Amino acid sequence: MFNMPPLGILTFLLLYSYGSLAQERTVEVQTRCGASFKDAYKPLQIQVNSDSDCTWEFSRPGNETTRIVFSLLDLNPSADCAQENVTLYDEKQRVFGVLCPDSHRTSVFETNGKTSLRVFTNSVALQRTIYLMYYSFAIGKQAAVCGGNIKGYAGTISSPSYPGRHPHFAYCVWHLETPKNTRIELTFTEIFLEIDLACRFDFLALYDGPTTDSPLINVLCGRTVATLETSSNILTLVLSTDYANSYFGFNVNYLALPRSNSSSLGCTGEEMTVVFDPAYVSSLGYSANELSLIDPTCRPQSSNPIAFTVPFDSCGTVREVDGHVVSYTNIVSATTAGVITRRKQVQFIVKCELDASSVVEIMYKTEDDIIQESQGTGNYDVDLSFYETDDFTSPVLQSPYEIDLNDTIFLQAKVKSPDPEITVFTESCFASPNANFNGPAHYLIKNGCTNDNTYHDYPSGSGFARFSFGAFKFIQEYPSVYFQCRVVICDTNDGGSRCNQGCITRKRRDLGTNIQKATAVVGPIRLRRQSDVEPIESESEKREEDFKQPEPRNIYLFGVLVLVVNVLIVAFVVLRNSRK
């Protein structure tokens, strides 16, 4: 017979009872076809069968943001989206989200005010299961400030308050980017989120790319460690937590490694990036502190991985112009001490060629005069940003950018390049209500021709173009609007370049010379609400207080206290009997 000390029995019973109670409280299975809720937050597990057409409504005030987090989506895998889907509607019955049978199991949507969720299934006899949680909060207020854009060779990402407990209702999105032609190695030293075999409650979702529409790598939860790799140099990492069972969150170390097993070269419009696997450099008989560029003071920025940032205008980089091609060349070499050495003399000649229509990256490795070569392609990087006024000195940091219908919107497109001899021309720019730019579009400028009578060009300078336009009715018709602009990058000294041709009609479109184009996006912008400003604020504050101390939690705590008393009585009886 297994003997457990009375204290062990007490601990076991407490943990078991608490876990069971939390599980029972968290999951509410919805087997009926549709329902309406007014709660500030609510988890739902929806189970429907064939030929279902059911709608659930979440009624929240218009001055609150409603976030819907899907963590489990199990529809008929053989159906297409027209036959079976989950559709979200805002308070004006406009679609703002659609999930199909092949959609990721984790998805997050937001809108203001009331939300309707419709589940539509085909005739195949099969139980479908959907787990989601919705919650609302005052517009502009978040449970935690977290997430962001990260660029680098190596570093650490942690959940809010780590190693303390993570906050409830946290939704954090990190966009991690390492140099071009690298992959990302992720080592989770700790994951401590609510334990659930399906990771429905608190979870980490990892996507192999720049958005949550990118391929899903994995969904993690519970208490574990993990090592993962991406196939690209960009990762999207999402942390979502609900209203219960707060633990320590997570801590992950990331590391950029060459996409090949040895080295990689990435080229942008302003610099080159060279990355070496430390094991590869070690196999050649060298270490990071023995490597430098042509200028010996330019050393690696990182030793694991071994990484160089090679600027076009310093560190000994050589600039050459041959017709329409501008090339930048530098050398990574190893220094050797002493007169006699038995190590191979190693050099990596790195070269970036930018012509009018492409970017070519070339990397030569020489070992005692034996040369190997590899190359790839790349593009200029362009930033598209909102500015507050026409002097373009104060960028708009707010996101989403809230405006009034009669406001003037100022935009700047800027090429990331130190080269003073390039100019930028805005060839097209359009607005869309969708972040993927599908659906309706409103063109401000097309083929260099103005398509909106409020559009205004400002004088351009070295590497940038500026323009403005008035907020238009299109913005009023959708909750969010995004912008995509295509710019042309030209040589300042080329009088016949596309940048100097202006508006080109359809008949003249074949007349352009070789050009480099780049596309950039920005958004969203939203119309600022005008009415009920003061009542909205006071009501939001009141609901925020209710949000922190909902009545069901008091009932739950009372139940736990009663359970603890009963367990203590049982433990006392066991202890007394064991002493007899």
Protein backbone atom coordinates (compact mmCIF):
# COMPACT_ATOMS: atom_id res chain seq x y z
CA MET A 1 0.00 0.00 0.00
CA PHE A 2 1.23 3.48 -0.90
CA ASN A 3 1.75 5.58 2.25
CA MET A 4 1.67 9.37 1.96
CA PRO A 5 2.43 11.63 4.93
CA PRO A 6 -0.56 13.64 6.17
CA LEU A 7 1.04 16.90 4.97
CA GLY A 8 1.56 15.36 1.52
CA ILE A 9 -2.07 14.27 1.44
CA LEU A 10 -3.14 17.80 2.30
CA THR A 11 -0.96 19.35 -0.42
CA PHE A 12 -2.11 16.82 -3.02
CA LEU A 13 -5.80 17.32 -2.20
CA LEU A 14 -5.48 21.10 -2.31
CA LEU A 15 -3.70 21.13 -5.69
CA TYR A 16 -6.04 18.54 -7.16
CA SER A 17 -9.16 20.30 -5.93
CA TYR A 18 -7.95 23.73 -7.08
CA GLY A 19 -7.03 22.40 -10.54
CA SER A 20 -10.39 20.69 -10.96
CA LEU A 21 -12.28 23.77 -9.84
CA ALA A 22 -10.34 26.04 -12.22
CA GLN A 23 -10.98 23.67 -15.13
CA GLU A 24 -14.69 23.49 -14.39
CA ARG A 25 -14.99 27.27 -14.03
CA THR A 26 -13.07 28.07 -17.20
CA VAL A 27 -14.85 25.86 -19.76
CA GLU A 28 -18.49 26.54 -20.63
CA VAL A 29 -19.66 24.34 -23.49
CA GLN A 30 -22.17 25.97 -25.85
CA THR A 31 -24.24 23.18 -27.41
CA ARG A 32 -27.24 25.35 -28.25
CA CYS A 33 -27.41 27.16 -31.56
CA GLY A 34 -26.53 30.75 -30.64
CA ALA A 35 -26.89 32.98 -27.59
CA SER A 36 -26.47 36.58 -26.45
CA PHE A 37 -24.08 37.80 -23.76
CA LYS A 38 -23.48 41.15 -22.07
CA ASP A 39 -20.56 40.10 -19.84
CA ALA A 40 -17.37 42.18 -19.87
CA TYR A 41 -15.52 38.95 -20.65
CA LYS A 42 -16.52 35.36 -21.30
CA PRO A 43 -14.85 32.13 -22.46
CA LEU A 44 -16.91 29.93 -24.78
CA GLN A 45 -16.44 26.43 -26.13
CA ILE A 46 -18.81 26.07 -29.07
CA GLN A 47 -19.81 22.63 -30.30
CA VAL A 48 -21.98 22.34 -33.41
CA ASN A 49 -22.73 19.57 -35.90
CA SER A 50 -23.79 19.40 -39.54
CA ASP A 51 -26.09 21.90 -41.28
CA SER A 52 -25.65 24.52 -38.54
CA ASP A 53 -26.19 28.23 -38.98
CA CYS A 54 -25.85 29.74 -35.50
CA THR A 55 -25.07 33.23 -34.23
CA TRP A 56 -23.68 34.34 -30.88
CA GLU A 57 -23.81 38.02 -29.92
CA PHE A 58 -21.48 39.89 -27.52
CA SER A 59 -23.07 43.21 -26.57
CA ARG A 60 -20.56 45.79 -25.36
CA PRO A 61 -20.63 49.63 -25.28
CA GLY A 62 -19.47 51.43 -28.41
CA ASN A 63 -16.70 53.20 -26.48
CA GLU A 64 -14.99 49.88 -25.66
CA THR A 65 -12.78 47.67 -27.77
CA THR A 66 -13.93 44.06 -27.95
CA ARG A 67 -11.15 41.52 -28.53
CA ILE A 68 -12.02 37.98 -29.65
CA VAL A 69 -9.27 35.39 -29.14
CA PHE A 70 -9.64 32.02 -30.88
CA SER A 71 -7.34 29.32 -29.50
CA LEU A 72 -8.99 26.21 -30.97
CA LEU A 73 -10.61 25.89 -34.40
CA ASP A 74 -11.70 22.39 -35.42
CA LEU A 75 -13.98 22.52 -38.46
CA ASN A 76 -14.55 19.96 -41.21
CA PRO A 77 -11.09 19.71 -42.86
CA SER A 78 -12.56 18.54 -46.19
CA ALA A 79 -14.83 21.59 -46.58
CA ASP A 80 -13.89 24.81 -48.34
CA CYS A 81 -14.56 28.25 -46.91
CA ALA A 82 -17.77 28.77 -48.88
CA GLN A 83 -19.23 25.59 -47.37
CA GLU A 84 -18.07 26.10 -43.79
CA ASN A 85 -16.78 29.14 -41.93
CA VAL A 86 -16.83 31.34 -38.85
CA THR A 87 -17.68 34.98 -39.65
CA LEU A 88 -17.44 38.04 -37.39
CA TYR A 89 -19.63 41.12 -37.83
CA ASP A 90 -19.31 44.53 -36.15
CA GLU A 91 -22.22 46.56 -34.77
CA LYS A 92 -23.05 47.80 -38.30
CA GLN A 93 -23.10 44.21 -39.58
CA ARG A 94 -19.90 44.66 -41.56
CA VAL A 95 -17.61 41.65 -41.82
CA PHE A 96 -14.29 42.16 -40.05
CA GLY A 97 -13.08 38.57 -39.75
CA VAL A 98 -13.52 35.19 -41.45
CA LEU A 99 -12.09 31.82 -40.36
CA CYS A 100 -12.07 28.86 -42.74
CA PRO A 101 -11.44 25.14 -42.15
CA ASP A 102 -7.79 25.63 -43.13
CA SER A 103 -7.26 28.78 -41.01
CA HIS A 104 -4.80 28.78 -38.12
CA ARG A 105 -6.23 27.45 -34.89
CA THR A 106 -5.18 30.71 -33.16
CA SER A 107 -6.56 34.03 -34.40
CA VAL A 108 -7.34 37.39 -32.80
CA PHE A 109 -9.79 40.06 -33.97
CA GLU A 110 -10.81 43.44 -32.58
CA THR A 111 -13.69 45.84 -33.09
CA ASN A 112 -15.59 48.49 -31.13
CA GLY A 113 -18.89 47.74 -29.43
CA LYS A 114 -21.23 44.88 -30.28
CA THR A 115 -19.94 41.79 -32.09
CA SER A 116 -21.82 38.97 -33.83
CA LEU A 117 -20.21 35.57 -34.44
CA ARG A 118 -21.84 33.29 -37.00
CA VAL A 119 -20.88 29.61 -37.37
CA PHE A 120 -21.96 27.99 -40.64
CA THR A 121 -21.33 24.27 -41.38
CA ASN A 122 -22.05 21.91 -44.27
CA SER A 123 -23.95 18.62 -44.29
CA VAL A 124 -21.09 16.30 -43.29
CA ALA A 125 -21.92 14.55 -39.99
CA LEU A 126 -19.08 15.66 -37.72
CA GLN A 127 -18.79 17.53 -34.43
CA ARG A 128 -17.06 20.89 -34.80
CA THR A 129 -15.34 22.49 -31.79
CA ILE A 130 -14.37 26.13 -31.41
CA TYR A 131 -12.84 27.65 -28.28
CA LEU A 132 -12.72 31.41 -27.88
CA MET A 133 -12.70 34.10 -25.26
CA TYR A 134 -13.94 37.63 -25.75
CA TYR A 135 -13.26 40.56 -23.47
CA SER A 136 -13.65 44.31 -23.72
CA PHE A 137 -11.69 47.27 -22.42
CA ALA A 138 -11.76 51.04 -22.71
CA ILE A 139 -10.42 52.22 -26.07
CA GLY A 140 -6.72 52.97 -25.80
CA LYS A 141 -6.24 51.07 -22.53
CA GLN A 142 -4.44 47.74 -22.33
CA ALA A 143 -3.92 45.29 -19.49
CA ALA A 144 -0.17 45.26 -20.22
CA VAL A 145 2.29 47.26 -22.29
CA CYS A 146 4.21 44.60 -24.17
CA GLY A 147 5.30 43.38 -27.58
CA GLY A 148 6.96 45.49 -30.26
CA ASN A 149 9.40 45.33 -33.16
CA ILE A 150 12.84 43.87 -32.48
CA LYS A 151 15.84 43.75 -34.81
CA GLY A 152 19.20 42.21 -33.99
CA TYR A 153 21.49 39.25 -34.07
CA ALA A 154 20.74 37.82 -30.63
CA GLY A 155 18.81 38.67 -27.49
CA THR A 156 16.07 37.73 -25.05
CA ILE A 157 12.29 38.17 -25.03
CA SER A 158 10.25 37.74 -21.85
CA SER A 159 6.62 37.98 -20.85
CA PRO A 160 5.47 41.11 -18.94
CA SER A 161 6.74 41.16 -15.31
CA TYR A 162 8.92 38.06 -15.82
CA PRO A 163 10.08 36.34 -13.63
CA GLY A 164 7.01 37.57 -11.77
CA ARG A 165 3.50 36.51 -12.68
CA HIS A 166 2.11 37.62 -16.03
CA PRO A 167 -0.94 39.93 -16.05
CA HIS A 168 -4.44 38.77 -16.92
CA PHE A 169 -5.94 39.75 -20.30
CA ALA A 170 -2.50 40.27 -21.81
CA TYR A 171 -2.16 40.27 -25.59
CA CYS A 172 1.42 40.80 -26.72
CA VAL A 173 2.79 40.60 -30.26
CA TRP A 174 6.54 40.69 -30.93
CA HIS A 175 7.86 41.02 -34.49
CA LEU A 176 11.46 39.78 -34.53
CA GLU A 177 13.69 40.35 -37.55
CA THR A 178 17.26 39.18 -37.97
CA PRO A 179 19.52 40.01 -40.95
CA LYS A 180 18.50 38.88 -44.41
CA ASN A 181 19.45 35.33 -45.45
CA THR A 182 19.51 34.13 -41.84
CA ARG A 183 17.22 31.89 -39.82
CA ILE A 184 16.25 32.26 -36.16
CA GLU A 185 17.01 29.74 -33.43
CA LEU A 186 14.72 30.04 -30.39
CA THR A 187 15.59 28.51 -27.02
CA PHE A 188 12.81 28.76 -24.43
CA THR A 189 14.52 28.50 -21.04
CA GLU A 190 11.15 28.59 -19.28
CA ILE A 191 7.48 28.38 -20.25
CA PHE A 192 5.04 28.46 -17.34
CA LEU A 193 1.51 29.12 -18.55
CA GLU A 194 -1.77 27.52 -17.55
CA ILE A 195 -1.65 23.76 -18.19
CA ASP A 196 -4.13 22.51 -20.78
CA LEU A 197 -3.59 19.74 -23.32
CA ALA A 198 -5.20 21.86 -26.06
CA CYS A 199 -3.60 25.18 -24.94
CA ARG A 200 -6.99 26.89 -24.91
CA PHE A 201 -6.53 29.33 -22.02
CA ASP A 202 -3.08 30.96 -21.94
CA PHE A 203 -0.77 30.26 -24.87
CA LEU A 204 2.22 31.25 -26.99
CA ALA A 205 1.79 31.14 -30.77
CA LEU A 206 4.80 31.32 -33.11
CA TYR A 207 4.51 32.24 -36.80
CA ASP A 208 7.24 31.84 -39.42
CA GLY A 209 6.98 35.28 -41.00
CA PRO A 210 6.02 38.93 -40.47
CA THR A 211 2.33 38.51 -39.50
CA THR A 212 -0.07 36.10 -37.83
CA ASP A 213 -1.12 35.06 -41.36
CA SER A 214 2.34 33.50 -41.79
CA PRO A 215 2.75 29.72 -41.35
CA LEU A 216 2.09 28.62 -37.76
CA ILE A 217 5.17 26.96 -36.26
CA ASN A 218 3.69 25.85 -32.93
CA VAL A 219 1.36 26.70 -30.05
CA LEU A 220 2.91 26.28 -26.58
CA CYS A 221 1.56 26.32 -23.02
CA GLY A 222 1.92 24.55 -19.66
CA ARG A 223 5.27 24.16 -17.91
CA THR A 224 7.99 23.17 -20.34
CA VAL A 225 11.10 24.20 -22.28
CA ALA A 226 11.55 24.08 -26.06
CA THR A 227 13.96 24.74 -28.92
CA LEU A 228 12.56 25.81 -32.29
CA GLU A 229 13.84 27.20 -35.58
CA THR A 230 12.30 29.37 -38.28
CA SER A 231 12.87 28.93 -41.99
CA SER A 232 13.07 32.69 -42.56
CA ASN A 233 14.64 35.69 -40.84
CA ILE A 234 11.33 37.02 -39.48
CA LEU A 235 9.26 35.68 -36.58
CA THR A 236 5.95 36.76 -35.10
CA LEU A 237 5.50 35.73 -31.46
CA VAL A 238 2.12 36.10 -29.71
CA LEU A 239 1.33 35.77 -26.00
CA SER A 240 -2.34 35.62 -24.99
CA THR A 241 -3.61 35.20 -21.43
CA ASP A 242 -7.11 35.07 -19.99
CA TYR A 243 -8.63 36.08 -16.64
CA ALA A 244 -7.42 33.23 -14.38
CA ASN A 245 -4.38 31.28 -13.18
CA SER A 246 -1.48 33.68 -13.65
CA TYR A 247 1.99 32.07 -13.64
CA PHE A 248 5.51 33.14 -14.62
CA GLY A 249 5.02 33.40 -18.39
CA PHE A 250 8.05 32.70 -20.56
CA ASN A 251 11.66 33.56 -21.33
CA VAL A 252 13.26 32.86 -24.71
CA ASN A 253 16.71 33.49 -26.17
CA TYR A 254 16.90 34.12 -29.92
CA LEU A 255 19.93 33.76 -32.18
CA ALA A 256 20.46 34.57 -35.87
CA LEU A 257 22.22 31.82 -37.79
CA PRO A 258 23.19 31.70 -41.49
CA ARG A 259 20.58 30.04 -43.67
CA SER A 260 23.38 27.84 -44.95
CA ASN A 261 25.66 26.02 -42.52
CA SER A 262 28.51 28.52 -42.80
CA SER A 263 27.83 32.15 -43.73
CA SER A 264 25.31 34.53 -45.25
CA LEU A 265 25.28 37.97 -46.85
CA GLY A 266 22.32 40.35 -46.82
CA CYS A 267 22.08 43.59 -48.76
CA THR A 268 19.76 46.57 -48.20
CA GLY A 269 19.81 50.04 -49.67
CA GLU A 270 22.09 51.34 -46.92
CA GLU A 271 24.40 48.55 -45.77
CA MET A 272 25.51 44.93 -46.00
CA THR A 273 25.19 42.39 -43.21
CA VAL A 274 27.54 39.42 -43.00
CA VAL A 275 26.78 36.58 -40.58
CA PHE A 276 29.03 33.59 -39.80
CA ASP A 277 28.30 30.48 -37.79
CA PRO A 278 30.91 30.52 -34.97
CA ALA A 279 31.49 26.79 -35.44
CA TYR A 280 32.35 27.39 -39.11
CA VAL A 281 34.87 30.13 -38.29
CA SER A 282 36.36 27.92 -35.60
CA SER A 283 36.78 25.10 -38.14
CA LEU A 284 38.94 27.48 -40.20
CA GLY A 285 41.17 28.00 -37.18
CA TYR A 286 39.98 31.49 -36.24
CA SER A 287 37.80 33.24 -33.67
CA ALA A 288 35.58 36.32 -33.75
CA ASN A 289 38.19 38.62 -32.21
CA GLU A 290 40.59 37.90 -35.10
CA LEU A 291 38.19 39.12 -37.84
CA SER A 292 37.78 42.65 -39.18
CA LEU A 293 36.82 44.62 -42.29
CA ILE A 294 39.22 46.58 -44.53
CA ASP A 295 39.32 49.17 -41.77
CA PRO A 296 40.80 47.05 -38.93
CA THR A 297 38.87 49.08 -36.34
CA CYS A 298 35.59 47.74 -37.75
CA ARG A 299 35.09 44.54 -35.77
CA PRO A 300 32.13 42.16 -35.40
CA GLN A 301 29.05 43.59 -33.69
CA SER A 302 28.33 40.17 -32.22
CA SER A 303 30.39 37.07 -31.42
CA ASN A 304 27.49 34.59 -31.37
CA PRO A 305 26.63 34.69 -34.17
CA ILE A 306 29.70 36.40 -35.63
CA ALA A 307 28.09 39.33 -37.42
CA PHE A 308 29.32 42.41 -39.25
CA THR A 309 27.31 45.43 -40.28
CA VAL A 310 29.11 46.85 -43.32
CA PRO A 311 28.11 50.48 -43.99
CA PHE A 312 28.33 51.77 -47.55
CA ASP A 313 30.06 54.98 -46.52
CA SER A 314 32.74 53.83 -44.04
CA CYS A 315 34.87 50.90 -42.78
CA GLY A 316 36.84 50.95 -46.03
CA THR A 317 33.86 50.11 -48.25
CA VAL A 318 34.69 50.88 -51.89
CA ARG A 319 31.93 52.46 -54.07
CA GLU A 320 32.07 52.02 -57.84
CA VAL A 321 29.69 53.18 -60.59
CA ASP A 322 29.44 51.36 -63.93
CA GLY A 323 26.60 52.70 -66.04
CA HIS A 324 23.38 52.10 -64.10
CA VAL A 325 25.09 49.76 -61.61
CA VAL A 326 26.42 51.01 -58.27
CA SER A 327 28.52 48.48 -56.35
CA TYR A 328 29.87 48.46 -52.78
CA THR A 329 32.72 46.13 -51.82
CA ASN A 330 34.48 45.26 -48.56
CA ILE A 331 36.58 42.38 -47.21
CA VAL A 332 36.26 40.34 -44.03
CA SER A 333 39.72 39.02 -43.23
CA ALA A 334 41.52 37.29 -40.39
CA THR A 335 44.60 38.81 -38.81
CA THR A 336 47.48 36.51 -38.02
CA ALA A 337 50.14 37.18 -35.43
CA GLY A 338 53.80 36.29 -35.96
CA VAL A 339 55.88 35.56 -39.06
CA ILE A 340 55.07 31.85 -39.43
CA THR A 341 51.52 30.53 -39.53
CA ARG A 342 50.13 27.10 -40.44
CA ARG A 343 46.54 28.36 -40.73
CA LYS A 344 45.01 29.04 -44.12
CA GLN A 345 44.88 32.68 -45.18
CA VAL A 346 41.11 33.35 -45.30
CA GLN A 347 39.28 36.32 -46.80
CA PHE A 348 35.60 36.89 -47.50
CA ILE A 349 35.05 39.46 -50.25
CA VAL A 350 31.52 40.83 -49.88
CA LYS A 351 29.92 42.86 -52.65
CA CYS A 352 26.54 44.49 -53.13
CA GLU A 353 25.50 45.55 -56.64
CA LEU A 354 22.52 47.87 -56.99
CA ASP A 355 21.37 48.49 -60.53
CA ALA A 356 18.19 50.16 -61.65
CA SER A 357 16.03 47.06 -61.31
CA SER A 358 17.59 44.73 -58.74
CA VAL A 359 20.06 44.19 -55.94
CA VAL A 360 22.70 41.47 -56.22
CA GLU A 361 24.66 40.13 -53.25
CA ILE A 362 28.00 38.45 -53.97
CA MET A 363 30.28 36.79 -51.44
CA TYR A 364 33.66 35.30 -52.34
CA LYS A 365 35.56 33.12 -49.93
CA THR A 366 39.29 32.76 -50.58
CA GLU A 367 41.45 30.13 -48.92
CA ASP A 368 45.06 30.45 -50.06
CA ASP A 369 43.89 31.87 -53.44
CA ILE A 370 41.05 29.32 -53.92
CA ILE A 371 37.83 31.26 -54.54
CA GLN A 372 34.22 30.22 -53.88
CA GLU A 373 31.22 32.41 -54.70
CA SER A 374 27.58 32.73 -53.69
CA GLN A 375 24.98 35.34 -54.52
CA GLY A 376 21.34 36.32 -53.97
CA THR A 377 18.95 39.21 -54.58
CA GLY A 378 17.42 41.94 -52.45
CA ASN A 379 15.68 45.32 -52.56
CA TYR A 380 15.73 48.81 -51.15
CA ASP A 381 13.96 49.31 -47.82
CA VAL A 382 11.37 52.11 -47.66
CA ASP A 383 9.69 53.56 -44.57
CA LEU A 384 6.19 55.02 -44.94
CA SER A 385 5.17 57.21 -41.98
CA PHE A 386 2.41 59.61 -40.93
CA TYR A 387 3.42 63.11 -39.77
CA GLU A 388 1.46 65.62 -37.72
CA THR A 389 2.11 68.76 -39.82
CA ASP A 390 3.43 69.85 -43.20
CA ASP A 391 6.92 70.57 -41.83
CA PHE A 392 7.41 66.78 -41.45
CA THR A 393 9.36 67.07 -38.21
CA SER A 394 7.03 65.18 -35.84
CA PRO A 395 6.08 61.63 -36.86
CA VAL A 396 2.80 60.23 -35.57
CA LEU A 397 3.58 57.59 -32.92
CA GLN A 398 -0.03 56.68 -32.11
CA SER A 399 -1.36 53.43 -33.60
CA PRO A 400 -4.04 53.26 -34.77
CA TYR A 401 -3.88 56.91 -35.90
CA GLU A 402 -7.20 58.54 -34.95
CA ILE A 403 -8.33 61.47 -37.12
CA ASP A 404 -11.35 63.70 -37.77
CA LEU A 405 -13.12 63.56 -41.12
CA ASN A 406 -11.85 67.00 -42.20
CA ASP A 407 -8.22 66.46 -41.17
CA THR A 408 -5.29 66.65 -43.58
CA ILE A 409 -3.08 63.57 -43.48
CA PHE A 410 0.67 63.97 -44.12
CA LEU A 411 2.79 61.03 -45.37
CA GLN A 412 6.49 60.61 -46.06
CA ALA A 413 8.16 57.77 -47.97
CA LYS A 414 11.87 57.55 -47.16
CA VAL A 415 14.49 55.18 -48.59
CA LYS A 416 16.92 53.71 -46.07
CA SER A 417 20.18 54.59 -47.80
CA PRO A 418 23.07 56.95 -47.05
CA ASP A 419 23.61 57.50 -50.79
CA PRO A 420 22.93 61.22 -51.46
CA GLU A 421 22.55 60.70 -55.19
CA ILE A 422 19.15 59.00 -55.24
CA THR A 423 15.72 60.55 -55.53
CA VAL A 424 12.23 59.17 -54.83
CA PHE A 425 8.98 59.52 -56.77
CA THR A 426 5.54 58.36 -55.55
CA GLU A 427 4.08 56.41 -58.46
CA SER A 428 0.94 55.04 -56.78
CA CYS A 429 -0.78 55.10 -53.42
CA PHE A 430 -4.15 53.66 -52.43
CA ALA A 431 -6.28 53.06 -49.34
CA SER A 432 -7.91 49.75 -48.36
CA PRO A 433 -10.05 48.64 -45.40
CA ASN A 434 -8.08 45.37 -45.20
CA ALA A 435 -4.53 44.89 -43.94
CA ASN A 436 -3.90 42.40 -46.77
CA PHE A 437 -5.15 45.03 -49.31
CA ASN A 438 -7.82 42.79 -50.77
CA GLY A 439 -11.26 44.19 -51.51
CA PRO A 440 -12.25 47.79 -52.29
CA ALA A 441 -9.53 50.38 -52.93
CA HIS A 442 -9.41 54.15 -53.19
CA TYR A 443 -6.46 55.47 -55.23
CA LEU A 444 -4.88 58.77 -54.26
CA ILE A 445 -2.38 58.60 -57.11
CA LYS A 446 -1.99 56.02 -59.88
CA ASN A 447 0.82 55.78 -62.46
CA GLY A 448 1.99 59.15 -61.18
CA CYS A 449 -1.40 60.73 -61.97
CA THR A 450 -3.45 62.35 -59.21
CA ASN A 451 -6.73 60.54 -58.55
CA ASP A 452 -7.94 62.56 -55.53
CA ASN A 453 -8.49 66.32 -55.68
CA THR A 454 -7.11 66.77 -52.14
CA TYR A 455 -3.78 65.12 -53.00
CA HIS A 456 -0.81 67.49 -52.74
CA ASP A 457 2.89 66.86 -53.48
CA TYR A 458 5.65 68.53 -51.46
CA PRO A 459 9.19 69.14 -52.75
CA SER A 460 11.22 65.94 -52.49
CA GLY A 461 14.80 65.67 -51.29
CA SER A 462 17.59 63.14 -51.21
CA GLY A 463 15.95 59.79 -50.63
CA PHE A 464 12.41 60.90 -49.67
CA ALA A 465 9.04 61.93 -51.11
CA ARG A 466 6.31 63.80 -49.22
CA PHE A 467 2.62 64.34 -49.88
CA SER A 468 -0.70 65.01 -48.15
CA PHE A 469 -4.42 64.44 -48.73
CA GLY A 470 -7.70 65.17 -47.00
CA ALA A 471 -9.55 62.51 -45.03
CA PHE A 472 -12.24 61.23 -47.40
CA LYS A 473 -15.60 59.48 -47.22
CA PHE A 474 -13.92 56.10 -47.82
CA ILE A 475 -12.42 56.37 -44.32
CA GLN A 476 -15.84 57.04 -42.84
CA GLU A 477 -17.27 53.81 -44.26
CA TYR A 478 -14.83 51.37 -42.62
CA PRO A 479 -13.59 50.88 -39.01
CA SER A 480 -9.92 50.89 -40.13
CA VAL A 481 -8.10 52.00 -43.29
CA TYR A 482 -4.60 51.03 -44.45
CA PHE A 483 -2.37 52.58 -47.11
CA GLN A 484 -0.02 50.98 -49.62
CA CYS A 485 2.31 53.14 -51.68
CA ARG A 486 4.72 52.23 -54.47
CA VAL A 487 7.70 54.50 -54.96
CA VAL A 488 10.32 54.67 -57.69
CA ILE A 489 14.00 55.11 -56.76
CA CYS A 490 16.12 56.90 -59.36
CA ASP A 491 19.60 58.29 -59.90
CA THR A 492 19.52 62.05 -59.26
CA ASN A 493 21.80 62.65 -62.27
CA ASP A 494 19.58 60.72 -64.73
CA GLY A 495 17.42 63.35 -66.42
CA GLY A 496 15.43 60.71 -68.31
CA SER A 497 14.54 58.61 -65.28
CA ARG A 498 10.99 57.65 -64.32
CA CYS A 499 11.18 60.14 -61.44
CA ASN A 500 11.28 62.98 -63.98
CA GLN A 501 8.42 61.74 -66.17
CA GLY A 502 5.51 62.51 -63.81
CA CYS A 503 2.05 61.31 -64.82
CA ILE A 504 2.10 58.51 -67.42
CA THR A 505 -1.14 57.52 -69.13
CA ARG A 506 -1.84 53.98 -70.28
CA LYS A 507 -0.61 54.75 -73.82
CA ARG A 508 2.77 55.95 -72.55
CA ARG A 509 3.49 53.23 -70.01
CA ASP A 510 6.06 51.42 -72.18
CA LEU A 511 8.30 54.48 -72.41
CA GLY A 512 9.99 54.16 -69.02
CA THR A 513 13.63 53.28 -68.53
CA ASN A 514 15.01 50.65 -66.13
CA ILE A 515 13.84 51.57 -62.62
CA GLN A 516 13.91 50.28 -59.07
CA LYS A 517 10.53 50.13 -57.34
CA ALA A 518 9.70 49.51 -53.70
CA THR A 519 6.40 49.06 -51.87
CA ALA A 520 5.62 50.21 -48.32
CA VAL A 521 2.49 50.06 -46.16
CA VAL A 522 1.24 52.03 -43.17
CA GLY A 523 -1.87 52.10 -40.99
CA PRO A 524 -4.40 51.78 -39.73
CA ILE A 525 -6.18 55.10 -39.35
CA ARG A 526 -9.59 55.41 -37.71
CA LEU A 527 -12.14 58.16 -37.36
CA ARG A 528 -12.22 59.70 -33.88
CA ARG A 529 -15.60 59.36 -32.16
CA GLN A 530 -17.23 62.73 -31.60
CA SER A 531 -20.17 62.21 -29.22
CA ASP A 532 -20.62 61.36 -25.58
CA VAL A 533 -17.01 62.07 -24.62
CA GLU A 534 -17.46 62.62 -20.88
CA PRO A 535 -20.08 59.93 -20.21
CA ILE A 536 -17.95 57.45 -22.15
CA GLU A 537 -14.92 58.12 -19.96
CA SER A 538 -16.78 57.76 -16.68
CA GLU A 539 -18.55 54.62 -17.87
CA SER A 540 -15.22 53.12 -18.99
CA GLU A 541 -13.67 53.81 -15.60
CA LYS A 542 -16.63 52.20 -13.88
CA ARG A 543 -16.44 49.11 -16.08
CA GLU A 544 -12.70 48.91 -15.56
CA GLU A 545 -13.30 48.68 -11.80
CA ASP A 546 -15.91 45.97 -12.38
CA PHE A 547 -13.42 44.27 -14.71
CA LYS A 548 -10.88 43.96 -11.90
CA GLN A 549 -13.29 42.54 -9.31
CA PRO A 550 -16.11 40.63 -11.00
CA GLU A 551 -18.71 39.15 -8.68
CA PRO A 552 -18.21 35.51 -9.84
CA ARG A 553 -14.62 35.59 -8.55
CA ASN A 554 -15.87 36.45 -5.01
CA ILE A 555 -18.20 33.43 -5.16
CA TYR A 556 -15.31 31.31 -6.41
CA LEU A 557 -13.00 32.44 -3.58
CA PHE A 558 -15.68 31.68 -1.03
CA GLY A 559 -16.05 28.19 -2.53
CA VAL A 560 -12.29 27.63 -2.33
CA LEU A 561 -12.26 28.69 1.34
CA VAL A 562 -15.05 26.22 2.14
CA LEU A 563 -13.15 23.50 0.29
CA VAL A 564 -9.93 24.27 2.19
CA VAL A 565 -11.74 24.00 5.54
CA ASN A 566 -13.17 20.59 4.54
CA VAL A 567 -9.78 19.34 3.40
CA LEU A 568 -8.17 20.50 6.67
CA ILE A 569 -10.79 18.53 8.61
CA VAL A 570 -10.05 15.41 6.54
CA ALA A 571 -6.32 15.86 7.05
CA PHE A 572 -6.81 16.27 10.81
CA VAL A 573 -8.78 13.00 10.97
CA VAL A 574 -6.13 11.18 8.92
CA LEU A 575 -3.37 12.57 11.14
CA ARG A 576 -5.16 11.52 14.37
CA ASN A 577 -5.82 8.02 13.09
CA SER A 578 -2.22 7.61 11.99
CA ARG A 579 -1.01 8.54 15.48
CA LYS A 580 -3.27 5.86 17.03
